[in-house]
N, C-alpha and C. Protein backbone atom coordinates (compact mmCIF):
# COMPACT_ATOMS: atom_id res chain seq x y z
N MET A 1 113.32 164.19 43.65
CA MET A 1 113.49 164.80 42.32
C MET A 1 112.72 166.11 42.21
N LYS A 2 111.60 166.14 42.85
CA LYS A 2 110.79 167.36 42.79
C LYS A 2 111.50 168.51 43.48
N LEU A 3 112.28 168.20 44.55
CA LEU A 3 113.01 169.25 45.26
C LEU A 3 114.31 169.61 44.55
N PHE A 4 114.92 168.66 43.87
CA PHE A 4 116.23 168.88 43.24
C PHE A 4 116.17 169.90 42.10
N LEU A 5 115.17 169.80 41.26
CA LEU A 5 115.10 170.70 40.10
C LEU A 5 114.97 172.17 40.49
N PRO A 6 114.07 172.53 41.40
CA PRO A 6 113.98 173.95 41.78
C PRO A 6 115.27 174.48 42.38
N ILE A 7 115.94 173.68 43.22
CA ILE A 7 117.20 174.12 43.84
C ILE A 7 118.27 174.32 42.77
N TRP A 8 118.35 173.39 41.83
CA TRP A 8 119.32 173.50 40.75
C TRP A 8 119.07 174.74 39.90
N LEU A 9 117.81 175.00 39.62
CA LEU A 9 117.46 176.16 38.82
C LEU A 9 117.79 177.45 39.55
N LEU A 10 117.50 177.48 40.85
CA LEU A 10 117.83 178.67 41.64
C LEU A 10 119.33 178.92 41.65
N LEU A 11 120.11 177.85 41.80
CA LEU A 11 121.56 178.00 41.79
C LEU A 11 122.04 178.50 40.44
N PHE A 12 121.47 177.98 39.36
CA PHE A 12 121.84 178.41 38.01
C PHE A 12 121.60 179.90 37.82
N PHE A 13 120.41 180.36 38.21
CA PHE A 13 120.09 181.77 38.02
C PHE A 13 120.92 182.66 38.92
N PHE A 14 121.26 182.15 40.12
CA PHE A 14 122.13 182.92 41.01
C PHE A 14 123.50 183.14 40.37
N LEU A 15 124.08 182.06 39.83
CA LEU A 15 125.39 182.16 39.19
C LEU A 15 125.36 183.04 37.96
N LEU A 16 124.27 182.94 37.18
CA LEU A 16 124.13 183.76 35.99
C LEU A 16 124.06 185.23 36.36
N ASN A 17 123.26 185.57 37.34
CA ASN A 17 123.11 186.97 37.76
C ASN A 17 124.40 187.50 38.33
N ASN A 18 125.12 186.66 39.08
CA ASN A 18 126.37 187.10 39.66
C ASN A 18 127.41 187.39 38.59
N THR A 19 127.43 186.60 37.53
CA THR A 19 128.36 186.85 36.42
C THR A 19 128.04 188.15 35.72
N ILE A 20 126.75 188.43 35.50
CA ILE A 20 126.34 189.65 34.84
C ILE A 20 126.68 190.88 35.69
N ALA A 21 126.52 190.74 37.01
CA ALA A 21 126.76 191.87 37.92
C ALA A 21 128.24 192.15 38.10
N ASN A 22 129.11 191.19 37.73
CA ASN A 22 130.54 191.35 37.93
C ASN A 22 131.29 191.12 36.62
N PRO A 23 131.11 192.01 35.64
CA PRO A 23 131.66 191.79 34.31
C PRO A 23 133.18 191.88 34.23
N VAL A 24 133.82 192.41 35.27
CA VAL A 24 135.25 192.64 35.22
C VAL A 24 136.05 191.45 35.71
N SER A 25 135.42 190.54 36.44
CA SER A 25 136.14 189.51 37.16
C SER A 25 137.12 188.71 36.29
N SER A 26 136.76 188.42 35.06
CA SER A 26 137.61 187.61 34.21
C SER A 26 138.61 188.42 33.40
N GLN A 27 138.50 189.75 33.42
CA GLN A 27 139.38 190.58 32.60
C GLN A 27 139.87 191.79 33.39
N GLU A 28 140.07 191.62 34.69
CA GLU A 28 140.32 192.79 35.52
C GLU A 28 141.64 193.49 35.21
N THR A 29 142.60 192.79 34.60
CA THR A 29 143.86 193.44 34.27
C THR A 29 143.94 193.82 32.80
N ALA A 30 142.85 193.69 32.07
CA ALA A 30 142.87 193.91 30.63
C ALA A 30 143.22 195.34 30.26
N MET A 31 144.03 195.47 29.22
CA MET A 31 144.35 196.78 28.67
C MET A 31 143.98 196.80 27.19
N VAL A 32 143.78 197.99 26.68
CA VAL A 32 143.43 198.19 25.28
C VAL A 32 144.50 199.07 24.64
N GLN A 33 144.93 198.70 23.46
CA GLN A 33 145.91 199.52 22.76
C GLN A 33 145.21 200.67 22.04
N ILE A 34 145.69 201.88 22.30
CA ILE A 34 145.17 203.08 21.65
C ILE A 34 146.14 203.44 20.52
N PRO A 35 145.66 203.55 19.30
CA PRO A 35 146.56 203.83 18.18
C PRO A 35 147.10 205.26 18.21
N THR A 36 148.22 205.45 17.54
CA THR A 36 148.77 206.80 17.39
C THR A 36 147.71 207.73 16.82
N GLY A 37 147.64 208.94 17.35
CA GLY A 37 146.61 209.86 16.88
C GLY A 37 146.98 211.31 17.12
N VAL A 38 146.15 212.19 16.59
CA VAL A 38 146.33 213.63 16.76
C VAL A 38 145.09 214.18 17.45
N LEU A 39 145.30 214.89 18.54
CA LEU A 39 144.21 215.46 19.31
C LEU A 39 144.15 216.96 19.08
N GLN A 40 142.98 217.47 18.68
CA GLN A 40 142.82 218.91 18.48
C GLN A 40 142.22 219.50 19.74
N LEU A 41 142.88 220.53 20.29
CA LEU A 41 142.44 221.16 21.52
C LEU A 41 141.46 222.29 21.24
N LYS A 42 140.90 222.84 22.31
CA LYS A 42 139.90 223.89 22.16
C LYS A 42 140.47 225.13 21.50
N ASP A 43 141.77 225.39 21.70
CA ASP A 43 142.40 226.57 21.09
C ASP A 43 142.84 226.31 19.65
N LYS A 44 142.42 225.16 19.11
CA LYS A 44 142.71 224.76 17.72
C LYS A 44 144.13 224.22 17.53
N SER A 45 144.93 224.24 18.58
CA SER A 45 146.25 223.62 18.46
C SER A 45 146.10 222.10 18.45
N LYS A 46 147.14 221.41 17.99
CA LYS A 46 147.06 219.96 17.87
C LYS A 46 148.22 219.29 18.59
N ILE A 47 147.95 218.13 19.13
CA ILE A 47 148.97 217.36 19.84
C ILE A 47 149.03 215.96 19.22
N ALA A 48 150.22 215.56 18.81
CA ALA A 48 150.42 214.21 18.29
C ALA A 48 150.75 213.29 19.46
N ILE A 49 150.07 212.16 19.53
CA ILE A 49 150.23 211.24 20.64
C ILE A 49 150.58 209.85 20.13
N ASP A 50 151.68 209.32 20.62
CA ASP A 50 152.10 207.98 20.22
C ASP A 50 151.16 206.92 20.78
N SER A 51 151.15 205.77 20.14
CA SER A 51 150.33 204.65 20.60
C SER A 51 150.69 204.28 22.04
N PHE A 52 149.70 203.91 22.81
CA PHE A 52 149.91 203.50 24.20
C PHE A 52 148.81 202.52 24.59
N PHE A 53 148.87 202.03 25.80
CA PHE A 53 147.88 201.10 26.32
C PHE A 53 147.20 201.72 27.53
N VAL A 54 145.92 201.41 27.71
CA VAL A 54 145.17 201.95 28.84
C VAL A 54 144.22 200.88 29.37
N ASP A 55 143.96 200.93 30.66
CA ASP A 55 143.04 199.97 31.28
C ASP A 55 141.65 200.07 30.67
N ARG A 56 141.05 198.93 30.42
CA ARG A 56 139.70 198.90 29.88
C ARG A 56 138.70 199.45 30.90
N TYR A 57 138.98 199.23 32.18
CA TYR A 57 138.06 199.64 33.26
C TYR A 57 138.77 200.55 34.26
N GLU A 58 138.00 201.32 34.99
CA GLU A 58 138.54 202.03 36.14
C GLU A 58 139.02 201.00 37.16
N VAL A 59 140.06 201.34 37.90
CA VAL A 59 140.59 200.42 38.91
C VAL A 59 139.53 200.17 39.98
N THR A 60 139.30 198.90 40.28
CA THR A 60 138.26 198.54 41.24
C THR A 60 138.84 198.46 42.66
N GLN A 61 137.93 198.40 43.62
CA GLN A 61 138.35 198.27 45.01
C GLN A 61 139.05 196.95 45.26
N GLU A 62 138.60 195.89 44.62
CA GLU A 62 139.24 194.59 44.77
C GLU A 62 140.68 194.63 44.27
N GLN A 63 140.90 195.24 43.11
CA GLN A 63 142.25 195.35 42.57
C GLN A 63 143.14 196.17 43.50
N PHE A 64 142.63 197.32 43.94
CA PHE A 64 143.41 198.21 44.79
C PHE A 64 143.77 197.52 46.10
N GLN A 65 142.82 196.81 46.68
CA GLN A 65 143.04 196.11 47.94
C GLN A 65 144.15 195.07 47.79
N LYS A 66 144.14 194.33 46.69
CA LYS A 66 145.14 193.29 46.47
C LYS A 66 146.55 193.85 46.39
N VAL A 67 146.69 194.99 45.78
CA VAL A 67 148.02 195.57 45.56
C VAL A 67 148.48 196.45 46.72
N MET A 68 147.58 197.25 47.25
CA MET A 68 147.94 198.25 48.26
C MET A 68 147.58 197.83 49.69
N ASP A 69 146.88 196.71 49.82
CA ASP A 69 146.44 196.22 51.14
C ASP A 69 145.63 197.28 51.89
N ASP A 70 144.77 197.95 51.15
CA ASP A 70 143.96 199.02 51.73
C ASP A 70 142.78 199.28 50.80
N ASN A 71 141.68 199.72 51.37
CA ASN A 71 140.54 200.15 50.57
C ASN A 71 139.94 201.40 51.22
N PRO A 72 140.34 202.59 50.75
CA PRO A 72 139.88 203.83 51.37
C PRO A 72 138.49 204.27 50.95
N SER A 73 137.84 203.53 50.07
CA SER A 73 136.61 203.98 49.43
C SER A 73 135.46 204.23 50.40
N PHE A 74 134.65 205.20 50.08
CA PHE A 74 133.44 205.51 50.85
C PHE A 74 132.33 204.52 50.52
N PHE A 75 132.10 204.30 49.23
CA PHE A 75 131.11 203.31 48.79
C PHE A 75 131.83 201.96 48.65
N LYS A 76 131.41 200.98 49.43
CA LYS A 76 132.12 199.71 49.46
C LYS A 76 131.53 198.70 48.48
N GLY A 77 132.42 198.00 47.76
CA GLY A 77 132.01 196.96 46.83
C GLY A 77 133.19 196.54 45.98
N SER A 78 133.42 195.25 45.84
CA SER A 78 134.63 194.77 45.16
C SER A 78 134.75 195.26 43.73
N ASN A 79 133.64 195.36 43.01
CA ASN A 79 133.67 195.80 41.61
C ASN A 79 133.28 197.26 41.43
N LEU A 80 133.15 197.97 42.53
CA LEU A 80 132.96 199.42 42.43
C LEU A 80 134.32 200.05 42.20
N PRO A 81 134.38 201.21 41.55
CA PRO A 81 135.68 201.86 41.37
C PRO A 81 136.24 202.30 42.72
N VAL A 82 137.52 202.15 42.91
CA VAL A 82 138.13 202.66 44.12
C VAL A 82 138.07 204.18 44.08
N GLU A 83 137.79 204.81 45.20
CA GLU A 83 137.76 206.27 45.29
C GLU A 83 138.34 206.70 46.65
N LYS A 84 138.33 207.99 46.89
CA LYS A 84 138.99 208.57 48.06
C LYS A 84 140.48 208.23 48.07
N VAL A 85 141.09 208.27 46.88
CA VAL A 85 142.53 208.07 46.76
C VAL A 85 143.18 209.38 46.36
N THR A 86 144.30 209.68 46.96
CA THR A 86 145.07 210.85 46.56
C THR A 86 145.76 210.56 45.23
N TRP A 87 146.30 211.61 44.64
CA TRP A 87 147.06 211.42 43.39
C TRP A 87 148.25 210.50 43.64
N ASP A 88 148.93 210.68 44.75
CA ASP A 88 150.10 209.85 45.06
C ASP A 88 149.72 208.38 45.21
N GLN A 89 148.56 208.11 45.81
CA GLN A 89 148.13 206.72 45.95
C GLN A 89 147.81 206.10 44.60
N ALA A 90 147.16 206.87 43.74
CA ALA A 90 146.85 206.38 42.39
C ALA A 90 148.14 206.12 41.62
N ASP A 91 149.07 207.05 41.70
CA ASP A 91 150.35 206.91 41.01
C ASP A 91 151.11 205.70 41.53
N ALA A 92 151.11 205.52 42.86
CA ALA A 92 151.83 204.40 43.46
C ALA A 92 151.24 203.06 43.02
N TYR A 93 149.92 202.96 42.96
CA TYR A 93 149.28 201.73 42.52
C TYR A 93 149.72 201.39 41.10
N CYS A 94 149.61 202.37 40.20
CA CYS A 94 149.97 202.11 38.81
C CYS A 94 151.42 201.65 38.69
N ARG A 95 152.31 202.27 39.43
CA ARG A 95 153.71 201.90 39.37
C ARG A 95 153.94 200.48 39.91
N LYS A 96 153.22 200.12 40.95
CA LYS A 96 153.39 198.78 41.53
C LYS A 96 152.95 197.68 40.59
N VAL A 97 152.04 197.98 39.69
CA VAL A 97 151.59 196.95 38.74
C VAL A 97 152.28 197.12 37.38
N GLY A 98 153.35 197.90 37.35
CA GLY A 98 154.13 198.06 36.13
C GLY A 98 153.52 198.99 35.11
N LYS A 99 152.69 199.91 35.57
CA LYS A 99 152.03 200.84 34.67
C LYS A 99 152.29 202.27 35.14
N ARG A 100 151.47 203.20 34.70
CA ARG A 100 151.58 204.61 35.09
C ARG A 100 150.22 205.26 34.90
N LEU A 101 150.07 206.46 35.40
CA LEU A 101 148.86 207.23 35.11
C LEU A 101 148.95 207.80 33.69
N PRO A 102 147.84 207.88 32.97
CA PRO A 102 147.90 208.49 31.63
C PRO A 102 148.02 210.00 31.73
N THR A 103 148.63 210.61 30.74
CA THR A 103 148.57 212.07 30.66
C THR A 103 147.12 212.45 30.32
N GLU A 104 146.78 213.70 30.56
CA GLU A 104 145.40 214.09 30.25
C GLU A 104 145.11 214.03 28.76
N TRP A 105 146.13 214.22 27.92
CA TRP A 105 145.91 214.18 26.48
C TRP A 105 145.79 212.75 25.99
N GLU A 106 146.55 211.85 26.58
CA GLU A 106 146.34 210.43 26.29
C GLU A 106 144.93 210.02 26.71
N TRP A 107 144.53 210.48 27.88
CA TRP A 107 143.20 210.15 28.39
C TRP A 107 142.13 210.61 27.40
N GLU A 108 142.24 211.85 26.92
CA GLU A 108 141.21 212.37 26.02
C GLU A 108 141.22 211.65 24.68
N LEU A 109 142.41 211.35 24.16
CA LEU A 109 142.47 210.61 22.90
C LEU A 109 141.78 209.25 23.05
N ALA A 110 142.02 208.60 24.18
CA ALA A 110 141.39 207.30 24.44
C ALA A 110 139.89 207.44 24.62
N ALA A 111 139.46 208.49 25.33
CA ALA A 111 138.04 208.69 25.59
C ALA A 111 137.28 209.00 24.30
N ARG A 112 137.82 209.85 23.48
CA ARG A 112 137.14 210.24 22.24
C ARG A 112 137.02 209.09 21.25
N ALA A 113 138.01 208.23 21.24
CA ALA A 113 137.98 207.05 20.37
C ALA A 113 137.66 207.43 18.92
N GLY A 114 138.28 208.48 18.44
CA GLY A 114 138.08 208.91 17.06
C GLY A 114 136.94 209.88 16.84
N SER A 115 136.18 210.17 17.88
CA SER A 115 135.04 211.08 17.74
C SER A 115 135.47 212.53 17.89
N SER A 116 134.66 213.44 17.35
CA SER A 116 134.89 214.88 17.52
C SER A 116 133.66 215.54 18.11
N SER A 117 132.72 214.75 18.56
CA SER A 117 131.47 215.26 19.14
C SER A 117 131.67 215.68 20.59
N ILE A 118 130.66 216.28 21.18
CA ILE A 118 130.75 216.75 22.56
C ILE A 118 131.03 215.61 23.52
N TYR A 119 130.29 214.54 23.35
CA TYR A 119 130.52 213.31 24.11
C TYR A 119 131.04 212.27 23.13
N TYR A 120 131.67 211.21 23.61
CA TYR A 120 132.22 210.25 22.65
C TYR A 120 131.17 209.43 21.93
N TRP A 121 129.91 209.58 22.33
CA TRP A 121 128.81 208.90 21.63
C TRP A 121 127.98 209.85 20.78
N GLY A 122 128.16 211.16 20.90
CA GLY A 122 127.37 212.11 20.15
C GLY A 122 127.32 213.47 20.81
N ASP A 123 126.40 214.31 20.38
CA ASP A 123 126.33 215.67 20.90
C ASP A 123 125.24 215.88 21.96
N ALA A 124 124.53 214.84 22.31
CA ALA A 124 123.51 214.92 23.36
C ALA A 124 123.79 213.87 24.42
N MET A 125 123.49 214.19 25.66
CA MET A 125 123.71 213.24 26.75
C MET A 125 122.88 211.98 26.53
N ASN A 126 123.48 210.84 26.84
CA ASN A 126 122.82 209.54 26.67
C ASN A 126 123.09 208.70 27.91
N ASP A 127 122.05 208.42 28.68
CA ASP A 127 122.20 207.70 29.94
C ASP A 127 122.78 206.30 29.78
N ALA A 128 122.75 205.76 28.58
CA ALA A 128 123.26 204.41 28.36
C ALA A 128 124.78 204.32 28.51
N TYR A 129 125.47 205.48 28.48
CA TYR A 129 126.92 205.47 28.48
C TYR A 129 127.57 205.91 29.78
N ALA A 130 126.83 206.53 30.67
CA ALA A 130 127.49 207.12 31.83
C ALA A 130 126.60 207.13 33.08
N TRP A 131 127.25 206.91 34.23
CA TRP A 131 126.61 207.14 35.52
C TRP A 131 126.90 208.59 35.93
N TYR A 132 125.87 209.40 36.02
CA TYR A 132 126.05 210.80 36.38
C TYR A 132 124.87 211.23 37.26
N LYS A 133 124.78 212.52 37.56
CA LYS A 133 123.84 213.01 38.55
C LYS A 133 122.40 212.58 38.30
N ALA A 134 122.00 212.51 37.05
CA ALA A 134 120.60 212.24 36.71
C ALA A 134 120.21 210.77 36.88
N ASN A 135 121.19 209.86 36.90
CA ASN A 135 120.81 208.45 36.95
C ASN A 135 121.58 207.60 37.97
N ALA A 136 122.56 208.18 38.66
CA ALA A 136 123.43 207.39 39.53
C ALA A 136 122.89 207.17 40.93
N ASN A 137 121.82 207.87 41.30
CA ASN A 137 121.23 207.72 42.64
C ASN A 137 122.25 208.01 43.76
N LYS A 138 123.09 209.01 43.51
CA LYS A 138 124.03 209.53 44.50
C LYS A 138 125.05 208.50 44.97
N LYS A 139 125.55 207.67 44.05
CA LYS A 139 126.55 206.67 44.43
C LYS A 139 127.29 206.17 43.19
N THR A 140 128.41 205.48 43.43
CA THR A 140 129.13 204.83 42.34
C THR A 140 128.43 203.52 41.97
N HIS A 141 128.83 202.97 40.84
CA HIS A 141 128.25 201.72 40.35
C HIS A 141 129.36 200.79 39.85
N PRO A 142 129.10 199.46 39.80
CA PRO A 142 130.13 198.54 39.30
C PRO A 142 130.67 198.99 37.96
N VAL A 143 131.97 198.90 37.79
CA VAL A 143 132.58 199.33 36.53
C VAL A 143 132.13 198.41 35.40
N GLY A 144 132.07 198.98 34.21
CA GLY A 144 131.74 198.18 33.03
C GLY A 144 130.28 197.87 32.85
N THR A 145 129.39 198.60 33.52
CA THR A 145 127.96 198.30 33.40
C THR A 145 127.23 199.26 32.47
N LYS A 146 127.92 200.25 31.95
CA LYS A 146 127.37 201.11 30.90
C LYS A 146 128.03 200.77 29.57
N LYS A 147 127.53 201.30 28.48
CA LYS A 147 128.10 201.01 27.18
C LYS A 147 129.52 201.57 27.05
N PRO A 148 130.41 200.87 26.38
CA PRO A 148 131.78 201.37 26.18
C PRO A 148 131.86 202.33 25.01
N ASN A 149 133.02 202.98 24.89
CA ASN A 149 133.23 203.81 23.70
C ASN A 149 133.71 202.93 22.54
N ALA A 150 134.06 203.54 21.43
CA ALA A 150 134.43 202.78 20.23
C ALA A 150 135.73 202.00 20.40
N PHE A 151 136.55 202.35 21.39
CA PHE A 151 137.77 201.60 21.67
C PHE A 151 137.53 200.47 22.67
N GLY A 152 136.28 200.33 23.14
CA GLY A 152 135.98 199.29 24.11
C GLY A 152 136.35 199.66 25.53
N LEU A 153 136.45 200.95 25.83
CA LEU A 153 136.77 201.44 27.17
C LEU A 153 135.47 201.82 27.89
N TYR A 154 135.38 201.42 29.14
CA TYR A 154 134.17 201.67 29.92
C TYR A 154 134.36 202.82 30.91
N ASP A 155 133.28 203.53 31.17
CA ASP A 155 133.24 204.59 32.20
C ASP A 155 134.25 205.70 31.95
N MET A 156 134.55 205.97 30.69
CA MET A 156 135.38 207.13 30.39
C MET A 156 134.58 208.41 30.63
N SER A 157 133.30 208.27 30.77
CA SER A 157 132.42 209.36 31.18
C SER A 157 131.65 208.89 32.40
N GLY A 158 131.69 209.66 33.46
CA GLY A 158 130.90 209.34 34.64
C GLY A 158 131.50 208.29 35.57
N ASN A 159 130.73 207.92 36.56
CA ASN A 159 131.10 207.03 37.67
C ASN A 159 132.05 207.75 38.61
N VAL A 160 133.36 207.84 38.30
CA VAL A 160 134.26 208.66 39.10
C VAL A 160 135.18 209.46 38.19
N TRP A 161 135.55 210.66 38.65
CA TRP A 161 136.60 211.40 37.98
C TRP A 161 137.86 210.55 38.00
N GLU A 162 138.79 210.79 37.08
CA GLU A 162 140.02 210.02 37.02
C GLU A 162 141.23 210.93 37.08
N TRP A 163 142.13 210.62 38.02
CA TRP A 163 143.39 211.34 38.09
C TRP A 163 144.20 211.10 36.80
N THR A 164 144.92 212.11 36.36
CA THR A 164 145.88 211.94 35.27
C THR A 164 147.27 212.35 35.74
N ALA A 165 148.26 212.06 34.94
CA ALA A 165 149.64 212.41 35.31
C ALA A 165 149.93 213.90 35.11
N SER A 166 149.04 214.62 34.46
CA SER A 166 149.34 215.99 34.01
C SER A 166 149.13 217.05 35.10
N ASP A 167 150.06 218.02 35.10
CA ASP A 167 149.90 219.20 35.95
C ASP A 167 148.94 220.17 35.28
N HIS A 168 148.09 220.81 36.07
CA HIS A 168 147.21 221.85 35.54
C HIS A 168 147.97 223.18 35.53
N GLU A 169 147.71 224.00 34.55
CA GLU A 169 148.44 225.27 34.41
C GLU A 169 148.20 226.23 35.57
N HIS A 170 147.13 226.01 36.33
CA HIS A 170 146.84 226.87 37.49
C HIS A 170 147.16 226.18 38.81
N GLY A 171 147.91 225.10 38.75
CA GLY A 171 148.30 224.37 39.95
C GLY A 171 147.50 223.09 40.13
N GLY A 172 148.07 222.16 40.87
CA GLY A 172 147.39 220.90 41.09
C GLY A 172 147.50 219.96 39.90
N LYS A 173 146.71 218.90 39.94
CA LYS A 173 146.71 217.89 38.89
C LYS A 173 145.38 217.91 38.13
N VAL A 174 145.43 217.45 36.89
CA VAL A 174 144.23 217.42 36.05
C VAL A 174 143.43 216.14 36.31
N GLN A 175 142.11 216.32 36.44
CA GLN A 175 141.18 215.19 36.50
C GLN A 175 140.29 215.23 35.27
N ARG A 176 139.88 214.05 34.81
CA ARG A 176 139.05 213.94 33.62
C ARG A 176 137.87 212.99 33.84
N GLY A 177 136.82 213.19 33.05
CA GLY A 177 135.76 212.19 32.93
C GLY A 177 134.45 212.42 33.64
N GLY A 178 134.38 213.36 34.58
CA GLY A 178 133.12 213.55 35.30
C GLY A 178 132.85 212.42 36.28
N SER A 179 131.74 212.54 37.03
CA SER A 179 131.44 211.52 38.03
C SER A 179 129.95 211.40 38.28
N TRP A 180 129.62 210.50 39.20
CA TRP A 180 128.23 210.24 39.57
C TRP A 180 127.53 211.46 40.16
N ARG A 181 128.28 212.40 40.70
CA ARG A 181 127.66 213.55 41.38
C ARG A 181 127.57 214.80 40.51
N ASN A 182 128.05 214.70 39.26
CA ASN A 182 128.08 215.85 38.36
C ASN A 182 127.02 215.76 37.28
N ASN A 183 126.64 216.93 36.76
CA ASN A 183 125.65 216.96 35.69
C ASN A 183 126.28 216.64 34.34
N ALA A 184 125.47 216.73 33.30
CA ALA A 184 125.90 216.32 31.96
C ALA A 184 127.10 217.12 31.45
N ILE A 185 127.20 218.39 31.81
CA ILE A 185 128.28 219.22 31.30
C ILE A 185 129.65 218.64 31.65
N SER A 186 129.76 218.09 32.85
CA SER A 186 131.04 217.54 33.31
C SER A 186 131.42 216.23 32.63
N GLN A 187 130.49 215.63 31.93
CA GLN A 187 130.75 214.35 31.28
C GLN A 187 131.35 214.50 29.88
N ARG A 188 131.49 215.72 29.40
CA ARG A 188 132.00 215.97 28.05
C ARG A 188 133.44 215.48 27.90
N SER A 189 133.76 214.96 26.74
CA SER A 189 135.08 214.37 26.50
C SER A 189 136.21 215.38 26.67
N GLY A 190 135.97 216.65 26.39
CA GLY A 190 137.01 217.66 26.49
C GLY A 190 137.05 218.39 27.82
N HIS A 191 136.16 218.02 28.74
CA HIS A 191 136.08 218.74 30.02
C HIS A 191 137.24 218.35 30.93
N ARG A 192 137.83 219.34 31.59
CA ARG A 192 138.96 219.10 32.48
C ARG A 192 138.86 219.99 33.70
N ILE A 193 139.28 219.47 34.85
CA ILE A 193 139.29 220.27 36.07
C ILE A 193 140.63 220.05 36.78
N LEU A 194 140.92 220.91 37.75
CA LEU A 194 142.13 220.73 38.54
C LEU A 194 141.75 220.34 39.96
N SER A 195 142.65 219.64 40.62
CA SER A 195 142.45 219.28 42.01
C SER A 195 143.79 219.19 42.71
N ASN A 196 143.82 219.55 43.98
CA ASN A 196 145.02 219.40 44.79
C ASN A 196 145.32 217.91 44.93
N PRO A 197 146.54 217.48 44.62
CA PRO A 197 146.84 216.04 44.63
C PRO A 197 146.75 215.37 46.00
N ILE A 198 146.70 216.15 47.07
CA ILE A 198 146.60 215.53 48.40
C ILE A 198 145.15 215.30 48.83
N TYR A 199 144.19 215.81 48.05
CA TYR A 199 142.78 215.65 48.42
C TYR A 199 142.26 214.28 48.06
N ARG A 200 141.28 213.82 48.86
CA ARG A 200 140.64 212.53 48.65
C ARG A 200 139.13 212.75 48.58
N TYR A 201 138.52 212.32 47.48
CA TYR A 201 137.09 212.53 47.28
C TYR A 201 136.39 211.19 47.01
N HIS A 202 135.13 211.09 47.42
CA HIS A 202 134.39 209.86 47.16
C HIS A 202 133.79 209.85 45.75
N TYR A 203 134.30 210.70 44.89
CA TYR A 203 133.90 210.72 43.49
C TYR A 203 135.11 210.82 42.56
N VAL A 204 136.29 210.45 43.07
CA VAL A 204 137.51 210.49 42.26
C VAL A 204 138.26 209.17 42.37
N GLY A 205 138.54 208.57 41.22
CA GLY A 205 139.33 207.34 41.15
C GLY A 205 140.37 207.47 40.06
N PHE A 206 140.64 206.38 39.33
CA PHE A 206 141.66 206.44 38.28
C PHE A 206 141.66 205.15 37.49
N ARG A 207 142.38 205.18 36.38
CA ARG A 207 142.77 203.98 35.63
C ARG A 207 144.22 204.17 35.21
N CYS A 208 144.89 203.09 34.87
CA CYS A 208 146.31 203.16 34.53
C CYS A 208 146.55 203.07 33.03
N ALA A 209 147.72 203.50 32.64
CA ALA A 209 148.16 203.42 31.24
C ALA A 209 149.56 202.81 31.22
N SER A 210 150.05 202.55 30.02
CA SER A 210 151.39 202.00 29.86
C SER A 210 151.86 202.27 28.43
N SER A 211 153.15 202.45 28.28
CA SER A 211 153.70 202.64 26.94
C SER A 211 153.92 201.31 26.23
N SER A 212 153.82 200.22 26.98
CA SER A 212 153.93 198.88 26.41
C SER A 212 152.91 197.98 27.10
N PRO A 213 152.60 196.83 26.53
CA PRO A 213 151.57 195.98 27.12
C PRO A 213 151.90 195.62 28.57
N ALA A 214 150.89 195.67 29.41
CA ALA A 214 151.04 195.27 30.81
C ALA A 214 149.75 194.59 31.21
N GLY A 215 149.83 193.54 31.99
CA GLY A 215 148.61 192.80 32.32
C GLY A 215 148.15 192.00 31.10
N GLU A 216 146.88 191.78 31.00
CA GLU A 216 146.33 190.99 29.90
C GLU A 216 145.79 191.91 28.83
N LEU A 217 146.43 191.96 27.67
CA LEU A 217 145.99 192.80 26.56
C LEU A 217 144.79 192.15 25.88
N VAL A 218 143.73 192.91 25.73
CA VAL A 218 142.53 192.41 25.09
C VAL A 218 142.26 193.22 23.83
N ASP A 219 142.06 192.55 22.72
CA ASP A 219 141.76 193.24 21.47
C ASP A 219 140.41 193.91 21.56
N ARG A 220 140.24 195.02 20.84
CA ARG A 220 138.95 195.71 20.82
C ARG A 220 137.95 194.87 20.07
């Protein structure tokens, strides 16, 4: 009896810690419905966006491996975001699971979650919401371990850049969200960059969207 209790307690704490470290395991296909909204751009023009659905989390390596039978990521870990994927690979994954990549304007509407501030949490950088250059220790981190935005979406700032479906006006595809290797400026909700769709980076991943529910829809 003296030996049984310590072993049982150790097993309990192991399982508890493992659950905390892997918050996505029970909701890995969850999507969140984003309501119809109007997005104001930097040039003061406005875009009306119909309601759509978007993944609560960035696509993980475990998810990508299951669907694509491959894991190209530099940083290995089942609940780490998949990275080193080309735009075509990201697009193919989303299509295979009955979804699509979000447009950059859908992405921003979802990221802002009704906010008009520099970041979706306010006008000053807050380490509680994003993995970026100052706190990421030069690597990606398990998805869903920072605070979500008001829509319940995780890692819309930091961890990895996210491919979008949109073409950039100067060529290539638009990426959004900043990453672990970028400073605070890149984490802004309105920040956008272009990238050649054939390039693969260890700081670029993606999440999927859909015009109708796909996977397990989770209320905010």
